Amino acid sequence: MAFDRITVSPEVCGGKACIRGLRFPVSRLLGLLAAGETPESILEAYPYLQREDITEALEYAATLAGAEVSALP
């Protein structure tokens, strides 16, 4: 699956996955949601984010959670 709104660049946030090249890591967005923030409250607090950013961050997390992990030796 391709993610148009998730970017990874060594020059931005140390290579962490970010929203649209902004210095806003996907992990921060997911942490806000996990802490009980609503999409509406996040969009109000961070007006440069868009609802599609939240949706794609959740899809990205679901994809990573479903990825196969190799067993430790």
N, C-alpha and C. Protein backbone atom coordinates (compact mmCIF):
# COMPACT_ATOMS: atom_id res chain seq x y z
N MET A 1 0.84 -1.18 0.00
CA MET A 1 0.00 0.00 0.00
C MET A 1 0.88 1.24 0.00
N ALA A 2 0.54 2.20 -0.83
CA ALA A 2 1.29 3.45 -0.91
C ALA A 2 0.67 4.47 0.04
N PHE A 3 1.52 5.24 0.67
CA PHE A 3 1.08 6.27 1.60
C PHE A 3 1.54 7.62 1.07
N ASP A 4 0.60 8.40 0.59
CA ASP A 4 0.93 9.70 0.01
C ASP A 4 1.20 10.77 1.06
N ARG A 5 0.65 10.60 2.25
CA ARG A 5 0.75 11.63 3.28
C ARG A 5 1.80 11.30 4.35
N ILE A 6 2.39 10.12 4.27
CA ILE A 6 3.42 9.71 5.21
C ILE A 6 4.76 9.80 4.49
N THR A 7 5.67 10.57 5.04
CA THR A 7 6.98 10.73 4.42
C THR A 7 8.08 10.34 5.41
N VAL A 8 9.16 9.85 4.86
CA VAL A 8 10.33 9.49 5.66
C VAL A 8 11.55 10.10 4.97
N SER A 9 12.26 10.94 5.70
CA SER A 9 13.46 11.57 5.17
C SER A 9 14.49 11.68 6.29
N PRO A 10 15.74 11.31 6.02
CA PRO A 10 16.78 11.42 7.05
C PRO A 10 16.94 12.85 7.58
N GLU A 11 16.57 13.84 6.77
CA GLU A 11 16.73 15.24 7.16
C GLU A 11 15.59 15.76 8.04
N VAL A 12 14.52 15.00 8.14
CA VAL A 12 13.35 15.46 8.91
C VAL A 12 13.10 14.50 10.07
N CYS A 13 13.19 15.01 11.27
CA CYS A 13 12.92 14.22 12.49
C CYS A 13 13.75 12.94 12.55
N GLY A 14 14.97 13.02 12.10
CA GLY A 14 15.87 11.87 12.19
C GLY A 14 15.41 10.65 11.42
N GLY A 15 14.62 10.85 10.39
CA GLY A 15 14.17 9.74 9.57
C GLY A 15 12.90 9.06 10.04
N LYS A 16 12.27 9.61 11.09
CA LYS A 16 11.01 9.04 11.55
C LYS A 16 9.91 9.36 10.54
N ALA A 17 8.91 8.49 10.49
CA ALA A 17 7.76 8.72 9.61
C ALA A 17 7.03 9.98 10.09
N CYS A 18 6.78 10.90 9.15
CA CYS A 18 6.14 12.17 9.47
C CYS A 18 4.94 12.39 8.56
N ILE A 19 4.14 13.35 8.95
CA ILE A 19 2.99 13.73 8.15
C ILE A 19 3.43 14.75 7.10
N ARG A 20 3.28 14.39 5.83
CA ARG A 20 3.52 15.27 4.67
C ARG A 20 4.82 16.08 4.75
N GLY A 21 5.88 15.50 5.23
CA GLY A 21 7.16 16.21 5.28
C GLY A 21 7.25 17.25 6.39
N LEU A 22 6.17 17.41 7.13
CA LEU A 22 6.18 18.33 8.27
C LEU A 22 6.98 17.70 9.40
N ARG A 23 7.39 18.49 10.30
CA ARG A 23 8.10 17.95 11.47
C ARG A 23 7.08 17.53 12.52
N PHE A 24 6.17 16.69 12.09
CA PHE A 24 5.11 16.16 12.94
C PHE A 24 5.10 14.64 12.76
N PRO A 25 5.79 13.92 13.67
CA PRO A 25 5.90 12.47 13.52
C PRO A 25 4.55 11.76 13.62
N VAL A 26 4.41 10.71 12.85
CA VAL A 26 3.21 9.87 12.91
C VAL A 26 3.03 9.35 14.34
N SER A 27 4.12 9.01 14.99
CA SER A 27 4.03 8.49 16.36
C SER A 27 3.40 9.50 17.31
N ARG A 28 3.66 10.78 17.10
CA ARG A 28 3.04 11.81 17.94
C ARG A 28 1.54 11.86 17.72
N LEU A 29 1.13 11.80 16.48
CA LEU A 29 -0.29 11.81 16.15
C LEU A 29 -0.99 10.58 16.74
N LEU A 30 -0.38 9.42 16.58
CA LEU A 30 -0.96 8.20 17.14
C LEU A 30 -1.01 8.27 18.66
N GLY A 31 0.01 8.85 19.27
CA GLY A 31 0.02 9.01 20.72
C GLY A 31 -1.12 9.90 21.21
N LEU A 32 -1.40 10.96 20.47
CA LEU A 32 -2.53 11.83 20.83
C LEU A 32 -3.84 11.06 20.77
N LEU A 33 -4.02 10.29 19.71
CA LEU A 33 -5.24 9.49 19.59
C LEU A 33 -5.33 8.46 20.71
N ALA A 34 -4.22 7.81 21.02
CA ALA A 34 -4.20 6.79 22.07
C ALA A 34 -4.50 7.40 23.44
N ALA A 35 -4.14 8.66 23.62
CA ALA A 35 -4.38 9.34 24.89
C ALA A 35 -5.82 9.84 25.02
N GLY A 36 -6.62 9.62 23.97
CA GLY A 36 -8.02 10.00 24.05
C GLY A 36 -8.42 11.26 23.31
N GLU A 37 -7.45 11.89 22.64
CA GLU A 37 -7.79 13.07 21.85
C GLU A 37 -8.66 12.64 20.67
N THR A 38 -9.58 13.48 20.29
CA THR A 38 -10.42 13.19 19.13
C THR A 38 -9.78 13.80 17.89
N PRO A 39 -10.13 13.29 16.72
CA PRO A 39 -9.63 13.93 15.50
C PRO A 39 -9.96 15.42 15.46
N GLU A 40 -11.15 15.77 15.91
CA GLU A 40 -11.55 17.18 15.90
C GLU A 40 -10.66 18.03 16.79
N SER A 41 -10.34 17.53 17.99
CA SER A 41 -9.49 18.30 18.90
C SER A 41 -8.07 18.42 18.36
N ILE A 42 -7.59 17.39 17.70
CA ILE A 42 -6.25 17.42 17.11
C ILE A 42 -6.21 18.44 15.97
N LEU A 43 -7.23 18.41 15.12
CA LEU A 43 -7.27 19.35 13.99
C LEU A 43 -7.40 20.80 14.48
N GLU A 44 -8.07 20.99 15.58
CA GLU A 44 -8.19 22.34 16.15
C GLU A 44 -6.86 22.81 16.73
N ALA A 45 -6.16 21.91 17.41
CA ALA A 45 -4.87 22.26 18.03
C ALA A 45 -3.75 22.39 17.02
N TYR A 46 -3.84 21.67 15.92
CA TYR A 46 -2.80 21.66 14.89
C TYR A 46 -3.46 21.96 13.54
N PRO A 47 -3.75 23.22 13.26
CA PRO A 47 -4.52 23.57 12.06
C PRO A 47 -3.84 23.22 10.74
N TYR A 48 -2.56 22.94 10.75
CA TYR A 48 -1.86 22.57 9.52
C TYR A 48 -2.07 21.09 9.18
N LEU A 49 -2.67 20.32 10.10
CA LEU A 49 -3.01 18.94 9.80
C LEU A 49 -4.39 18.89 9.15
N GLN A 50 -4.62 17.81 8.43
CA GLN A 50 -5.89 17.60 7.75
C GLN A 50 -6.46 16.25 8.17
N ARG A 51 -7.75 16.12 8.10
CA ARG A 51 -8.41 14.87 8.50
C ARG A 51 -7.81 13.67 7.77
N GLU A 52 -7.46 13.84 6.51
CA GLU A 52 -6.86 12.75 5.73
C GLU A 52 -5.52 12.32 6.32
N ASP A 53 -4.80 13.25 6.97
CA ASP A 53 -3.53 12.90 7.63
C ASP A 53 -3.78 11.90 8.75
N ILE A 54 -4.84 12.13 9.51
CA ILE A 54 -5.16 11.24 10.63
C ILE A 54 -5.56 9.86 10.10
N THR A 55 -6.40 9.85 9.09
CA THR A 55 -6.84 8.58 8.51
C THR A 55 -5.65 7.79 7.99
N GLU A 56 -4.77 8.46 7.27
CA GLU A 56 -3.63 7.74 6.70
C GLU A 56 -2.64 7.30 7.78
N ALA A 57 -2.49 8.06 8.83
CA ALA A 57 -1.61 7.65 9.94
C ALA A 57 -2.14 6.37 10.58
N LEU A 58 -3.45 6.27 10.73
CA LEU A 58 -4.04 5.05 11.28
C LEU A 58 -3.87 3.87 10.33
N GLU A 59 -4.02 4.10 9.04
CA GLU A 59 -3.81 3.04 8.05
C GLU A 59 -2.35 2.58 8.06
N TYR A 60 -1.43 3.54 8.18
CA TYR A 60 0.00 3.24 8.24
C TYR A 60 0.30 2.37 9.47
N ALA A 61 -0.25 2.75 10.62
CA ALA A 61 -0.03 1.99 11.85
C ALA A 61 -0.60 0.58 11.72
N ALA A 62 -1.77 0.46 11.12
CA ALA A 62 -2.38 -0.86 10.93
C ALA A 62 -1.53 -1.73 10.04
N THR A 63 -0.95 -1.14 9.00
CA THR A 63 -0.08 -1.88 8.10
C THR A 63 1.17 -2.37 8.84
N LEU A 64 1.75 -1.49 9.64
CA LEU A 64 2.94 -1.90 10.40
C LEU A 64 2.62 -2.96 11.42
N ALA A 65 1.46 -2.86 12.06
CA ALA A 65 1.06 -3.84 13.07
C ALA A 65 0.83 -5.21 12.44
N GLY A 66 0.42 -5.22 11.18
CA GLY A 66 0.16 -6.49 10.51
C GLY A 66 1.37 -7.07 9.81
N ALA A 67 2.49 -6.35 9.82
CA ALA A 67 3.69 -6.82 9.13
C ALA A 67 4.29 -8.00 9.89
N GLU A 68 4.87 -8.91 9.13
CA GLU A 68 5.54 -10.04 9.75
C GLU A 68 6.81 -9.57 10.42
N VAL A 69 7.07 -10.13 11.59
CA VAL A 69 8.27 -9.81 12.34
C VAL A 69 9.10 -11.08 12.43
N SER A 70 10.37 -10.99 12.06
CA SER A 70 11.21 -12.17 12.15
C SER A 70 11.53 -12.47 13.61
N ALA A 71 11.59 -13.74 13.92
CA ALA A 71 11.86 -14.17 15.29
C ALA A 71 13.30 -13.86 15.67
N LEU A 72 13.50 -13.57 16.93
CA LEU A 72 14.85 -13.34 17.44
C LEU A 72 15.59 -14.67 17.50
N PRO A 73 16.89 -14.65 17.25
CA PRO A 73 17.66 -15.92 17.30
C PRO A 73 17.73 -16.50 18.70
